[in-house]
Structure formats: structure tokens, C-alpha cells
Protein backbone atom coordinates (compact mmCIF):
# COMPACT_ATOMS: atom_id res chain seq x y z
CA MET A 1 81.44 89.28 -195.83
CA LYS A 2 80.54 92.55 -194.17
CA LEU A 3 79.96 95.55 -196.30
CA ARG A 4 82.70 97.61 -194.78
CA HIS A 5 85.40 95.04 -196.28
CA ARG A 6 83.82 94.65 -199.65
CA ARG A 7 85.47 96.70 -202.51
CA LEU A 8 82.67 98.62 -204.36
CA PHE A 9 84.16 101.33 -206.25
CA SER A 10 87.12 102.07 -208.22
CA PRO A 11 89.11 105.27 -207.35
CA THR A 12 87.35 107.40 -209.99
CA MET A 13 83.93 106.08 -208.83
CA SER A 14 84.90 106.67 -205.21
CA GLN A 15 85.65 110.29 -205.98
CA ALA A 16 82.32 110.77 -207.79
CA ALA A 17 80.13 109.07 -204.96
CA PHE A 18 82.14 111.09 -202.32
CA LYS A 19 81.12 114.48 -203.98
CA GLY A 20 77.49 113.23 -204.13
CA LEU A 21 77.54 112.38 -200.46
CA ARG A 22 79.08 115.71 -199.61
CA LEU A 23 76.22 117.43 -201.27
CA LEU A 24 73.79 115.53 -199.36
CA ARG A 25 75.56 116.35 -196.07
CA GLN A 26 75.73 120.14 -196.74
CA GLY A 27 74.12 121.98 -193.76
CA THR A 28 74.67 119.05 -191.50
CA PRO A 29 77.48 119.70 -188.88
CA PRO A 30 79.51 116.81 -187.72
CA SER A 31 79.55 115.75 -184.01
CA CYS A 32 81.84 113.69 -181.86
CA ASP A 33 81.20 109.91 -182.18
CA PRO A 34 82.62 108.00 -179.13
CA ARG A 35 80.06 105.05 -179.78
CA ALA A 36 82.09 101.88 -180.56
CA GLU A 37 81.45 98.25 -180.54
CA ARG A 38 81.38 96.31 -177.46
CA PHE A 39 81.66 92.54 -176.54
CA VAL A 40 80.46 90.99 -173.49
CA LEU A 41 80.49 87.56 -171.62
CA ARG A 42 77.44 87.88 -169.45
CA GLN A 43 77.84 85.01 -167.40
CA GLN A 44 81.42 85.91 -166.44
CA LYS A 45 80.42 89.69 -166.32
CA VAL A 46 83.30 90.68 -168.56
CA LEU A 47 82.97 93.39 -171.14
CA ALA A 48 85.64 94.46 -173.78
CA ALA A 49 85.54 98.02 -175.01
CA PRO A 50 88.01 98.06 -177.86
CA ILE A 51 89.19 101.20 -179.60
CA PRO A 52 88.65 101.53 -183.39
CA LYS A 53 92.02 100.75 -185.19
CA VAL A 54 93.27 98.97 -182.09
CA ALA A 55 92.77 95.12 -182.60
CA SER A 56 88.99 95.52 -182.37
CA ARG A 57 88.43 92.72 -184.98
CA THR A 58 90.78 90.43 -183.13
CA VAL A 59 89.01 91.06 -179.75
CA GLN A 60 85.59 90.52 -181.61
CA ALA A 61 86.84 87.07 -182.87
CA MET A 62 88.10 86.02 -179.33
CA PHE A 63 84.73 86.91 -177.79
CA ALA A 64 82.88 84.98 -180.53
CA GLN A 65 84.86 81.89 -179.75
CA ALA A 66 84.67 82.23 -176.00
CA SER A 67 80.91 82.61 -176.12
CA GLY A 68 80.32 79.89 -178.72
CA ASN A 69 79.99 82.36 -181.62
CA ALA A 70 76.91 83.88 -180.11
CA PRO A 71 76.14 86.71 -182.52
CA GLY A 72 74.00 88.65 -179.79
CA HIS A 73 77.08 89.48 -177.72
CA GLU A 74 77.97 92.51 -179.94
CA PHE A 75 76.50 95.97 -179.64
CA ASP A 76 77.55 99.61 -179.84
CA SER A 77 77.63 102.12 -176.89
CA THR A 78 79.35 105.05 -175.58
CA PRO A 79 81.58 105.25 -172.55
CA ASP A 80 78.85 106.84 -170.60
CA GLU A 81 76.43 103.96 -171.43
CA ILE A 82 79.09 101.44 -170.31
CA ALA A 83 79.60 103.16 -166.82
CA ALA A 84 75.74 103.29 -166.38
CA GLY A 85 74.80 99.95 -167.63
CA PHE A 86 77.47 97.67 -166.57
CA PRO A 87 78.76 99.04 -163.21
CA ASP A 88 79.56 95.52 -161.87
CA TYR A 89 81.32 94.18 -164.90
CA PHE A 90 85.06 93.73 -165.44
CA VAL A 91 85.81 96.15 -168.31
CA PHE A 92 89.05 96.16 -170.25
CA SER A 93 90.53 97.49 -173.45
CA PHE A 94 93.81 97.92 -175.49
CA VAL A 95 95.44 101.03 -176.68
CA ARG A 96 97.97 101.72 -179.47
CA ASN A 97 101.02 104.03 -180.18
CA PRO A 98 99.18 107.07 -181.47
CA TRP A 99 101.46 107.62 -184.52
CA SER A 100 100.95 104.04 -185.58
CA ARG A 101 97.06 104.32 -185.06
CA VAL A 102 96.85 107.60 -187.27
CA HIS A 103 98.74 105.92 -189.89
CA SER A 104 96.55 102.72 -189.79
CA CYS A 105 93.53 104.92 -190.01
CA TRP A 106 94.78 106.73 -193.04
CA LYS A 107 95.69 103.49 -194.86
CA ASP A 108 92.29 102.13 -194.15
CA LYS A 109 89.87 105.06 -194.29
CA ILE A 110 91.45 107.51 -196.49
CA ALA A 111 94.05 105.60 -198.83
CA ASP A 112 91.63 102.72 -199.33
CA ALA A 113 88.35 104.59 -199.43
CA VAL A 114 86.66 102.28 -201.92
CA THR A 115 83.55 101.25 -199.85
CA ALA A 116 80.19 102.90 -199.24
CA SER A 117 80.80 102.87 -195.42
CA LYS A 118 84.34 104.49 -195.63
CA LEU A 119 83.04 107.30 -198.10
CA SER A 120 80.01 107.74 -195.83
CA ILE A 121 82.36 108.48 -192.82
CA LEU A 122 84.46 110.99 -194.88
CA SER A 123 81.62 112.70 -196.30
CA ARG A 124 80.64 114.02 -192.79
CA PHE A 125 83.65 116.25 -192.59
CA GLU A 126 84.84 119.43 -194.28
CA GLY A 127 88.49 119.37 -195.65
CA ILE A 128 88.91 115.78 -196.01
CA ARG A 129 88.58 113.66 -199.01
CA PRO A 130 89.38 110.09 -200.36
CA PHE A 131 92.91 109.31 -201.15
CA MET A 132 94.31 112.60 -199.74
CA PRO A 133 98.10 112.24 -199.05
CA PHE A 134 99.01 111.33 -195.59
CA PRO A 135 100.87 114.50 -194.66
CA GLU A 136 97.49 116.40 -195.42
CA PHE A 137 95.70 114.08 -193.50
CA VAL A 138 97.91 114.62 -190.56
CA GLU A 139 97.53 118.47 -190.99
CA TRP A 140 93.77 117.99 -191.10
CA LEU A 141 93.66 116.23 -187.83
CA ASP A 142 95.25 119.21 -186.13
CA SER A 143 92.38 121.50 -187.61
CA ASP A 144 89.17 122.27 -186.10
CA TYR A 145 87.59 119.82 -188.47
CA GLY A 146 89.72 117.06 -187.42
CA SER A 147 89.61 117.86 -183.61
CA ASP A 148 88.07 115.61 -180.87
CA ALA A 149 85.20 118.02 -180.54
CA VAL A 150 83.72 116.69 -183.80
CA ALA A 151 85.89 113.50 -184.37
CA ASP A 152 84.87 110.20 -185.92
CA ARG A 153 85.57 107.19 -183.59
CA HIS A 154 88.28 106.09 -185.77
CA TRP A 155 90.52 109.13 -185.03
CA LEU A 156 89.03 110.12 -181.73
CA SER A 157 91.64 110.12 -178.89
CA GLN A 158 91.99 106.94 -177.28
CA THR A 159 91.54 108.57 -173.75
CA ARG A 160 88.12 109.86 -175.01
CA HIS A 161 87.06 106.33 -175.78
CA LEU A 162 88.07 105.14 -172.35
CA SER A 163 86.45 107.97 -170.14
CA THR A 164 82.96 109.20 -169.55
CA SER A 165 81.79 112.73 -170.38
CA ALA A 166 82.50 113.50 -166.72
CA GLY A 167 86.18 112.19 -167.16
CA ALA A 168 85.62 108.93 -165.16
CA GLN A 169 87.59 105.93 -166.36
CA ILE A 170 85.56 103.09 -167.56
CA CYS A 171 88.20 100.33 -167.70
CA ASP A 172 89.51 98.15 -164.97
CA PHE A 173 92.46 97.19 -167.01
CA VAL A 174 94.12 98.87 -170.04
CA GLY A 175 96.67 96.71 -172.12
CA LYS A 176 98.85 97.72 -175.09
CA ILE A 177 98.55 96.19 -178.55
CA GLU A 178 102.38 96.24 -178.56
CA SER A 179 102.27 93.69 -175.68
CA PHE A 180 98.96 92.19 -176.64
CA ASP A 181 99.51 88.40 -175.53
CA ALA A 182 101.19 89.41 -172.22
CA ASP A 183 98.39 91.80 -171.40
CA LEU A 184 95.61 89.40 -172.47
CA ASP A 185 97.30 86.94 -169.95
CA ARG A 186 96.87 89.62 -167.34
CA VAL A 187 93.15 89.99 -168.15
CA GLU A 188 92.61 86.21 -167.88
CA SER A 189 94.29 86.20 -164.45
CA LEU A 190 92.02 89.03 -163.31
CA THR A 191 88.85 87.57 -164.64
CA GLY A 192 89.27 83.77 -164.68
CA VAL A 193 88.40 83.71 -168.20
CA THR A 194 90.44 81.90 -170.69
CA PHE A 195 90.48 83.46 -174.09
CA PRO A 196 91.27 81.68 -177.40
CA ARG A 197 94.53 82.92 -179.06
CA ILE A 198 93.88 83.56 -182.65
CA ALA A 199 95.61 85.20 -185.50
CA ALA A 200 95.25 89.03 -185.75
CA GLN A 201 92.29 90.05 -187.76
CA ASN A 202 91.71 92.72 -190.37
CA VAL A 203 95.50 93.18 -190.82
CA LYS A 204 96.54 94.85 -194.08
CA PRO A 205 99.89 94.02 -195.62
CA ALA A 206 102.45 96.46 -194.49
CA ALA A 207 103.81 98.28 -197.40
CA GLU A 208 105.64 100.76 -195.06
CA SER A 209 106.29 101.13 -191.30
CA TYR A 210 104.55 104.18 -189.71
CA HIS A 211 107.99 105.36 -188.90
CA THR A 212 108.80 106.06 -192.52
CA ALA A 213 105.46 107.69 -193.11
CA PHE A 214 106.18 110.61 -190.82
CA ASP A 215 108.76 113.46 -191.21
CA GLU A 216 109.79 115.72 -188.40
CA ARG A 217 106.88 118.13 -188.92
CA THR A 218 104.08 115.53 -189.16
CA ARG A 219 105.58 113.77 -186.27
CA GLN A 220 105.40 116.71 -184.04
CA ILE A 221 101.86 117.46 -185.24
CA ILE A 222 100.47 114.05 -184.05
CA GLY A 223 102.60 114.49 -180.79
CA ARG A 224 100.46 117.78 -180.17
CA ARG A 225 97.20 116.40 -181.55
CA TYR A 226 97.40 113.18 -179.29
CA GLY A 227 99.51 114.56 -176.47
CA GLU A 228 96.95 113.36 -173.99
CA ASP A 229 97.14 109.80 -175.22
CA ILE A 230 100.73 109.79 -175.35
CA GLU A 231 101.18 111.01 -171.73
CA ALA A 232 98.35 108.86 -170.31
CA PHE A 233 99.72 105.74 -171.93
CA GLY A 234 103.44 106.26 -171.90
CA TYR A 235 103.97 106.23 -175.76
CA ARG A 236 106.94 107.60 -177.73
CA PHE A 237 107.23 107.88 -181.55
CA ASP A 238 109.80 104.88 -181.54
């Protein structure tokens, strides 16, 4: 089991560990982190560029089965590195309703900040802390500390994940997690690759829908913060 999924701390221990990590980070400014996991079928020249909190574990499991569980077909890279290193590959990704993605990020990285890797992520940023209430996290995302200029990959705008620093799109096809099976069918028709259909991975029990987590104010904040994603991919709150 990977470290990021293993519970290491109680909430009290998490708070103490976070304070220690923050002290170690003092004086180290955060920077934007567009690097994310990539999965490749080299023979077929197909590359998946999943966005964190958008079925990335499901895509990983699909590629593992499609490639005979070869562990070497996983690496991290930026959009610029994909554009430069895989110019003749078919590149695809999936996007997600921004309100849903933000709520999922909060549940996993903030409300469940009980692993060393999650605490390490949070300790890079001013104004964020383990277990902070959801409305406060939303407000933080709309501050300078939570902006795309310095964002961690887990809350970086999806449009930033899918374009180079010069603004060029890296994907030949972008599907939606809300229509995952139908859009995966489209990927198969475009590439000639058949992907195994597997159960969704790394899904937490849904104690509440993202709809009930937002009020009018926080809904509007995310609509403003991720306006580019909403416009580019045609999303609405409902």
C-alpha cells in the first residue's frame, strides 16, 4: 500500500506534525506545481495525462492492465514536457465539474489530512491548515495564497494542467468524468486501443454531495476562481 493511502496520525498528531513542517518551510515560497502522473502505451503511442482529483487512479489501473501491469509506464511530467517529448503520441485526459473537484480535494487533502504526504503538501502554503472548514478552504483558494500562480497540482485549474506555458493545448481529446464510459469509448475509437473497464479507484464514501457543501457565496467564489475551467469545458454548478 502506498504511503499516501496509509493513515499515520491521529488528528492531534497531525496538527503537531503540520506545525513542525511549517516551521521547516519558513522562508521557502511556494511555486506552481503543474507536474502530474502520466501513463503511456509506447507501442500504440498513447499517453494519458490525468488531472489530480479527476479519476487519475482509475486511469492508472486501466493502463496497468492494458500494458500487462508494467510498472515502468508511469512517470511525472509537466505539460511542456509532454508537448516536447511526445509530439507524435495521442494524448488524452478527463476533466471534472470544478465545484465537485474542489469538494473532493478538500475531503481528501484537508478534512483527511492524516498522512505524511498530505501534511507535506499543506505545509508549503500560508493560510491553509489540516481540518479547516470547507467554507474557509474555498475562501483561501480565492486568495493570493491559493491562486494558480502558486497552486499545488491538486487544486491547480484544469486548463493549466492541459496547456503548455505558452498556452498550447496538449490533448488530442478531453473527456468528462461525468460521462467517463462514453468518452473512453471515443478514445478507443480514435486510438484503436481497448481499455479494460474497471471499478472506480480511490473513491471515498460520499457522506454528502458537493451540492450540499456549498452555499450561494462559496458557490460564486468557485465560479470566479475556476471561471476559465467552467467556460472551457461547459460546466454548471448543477
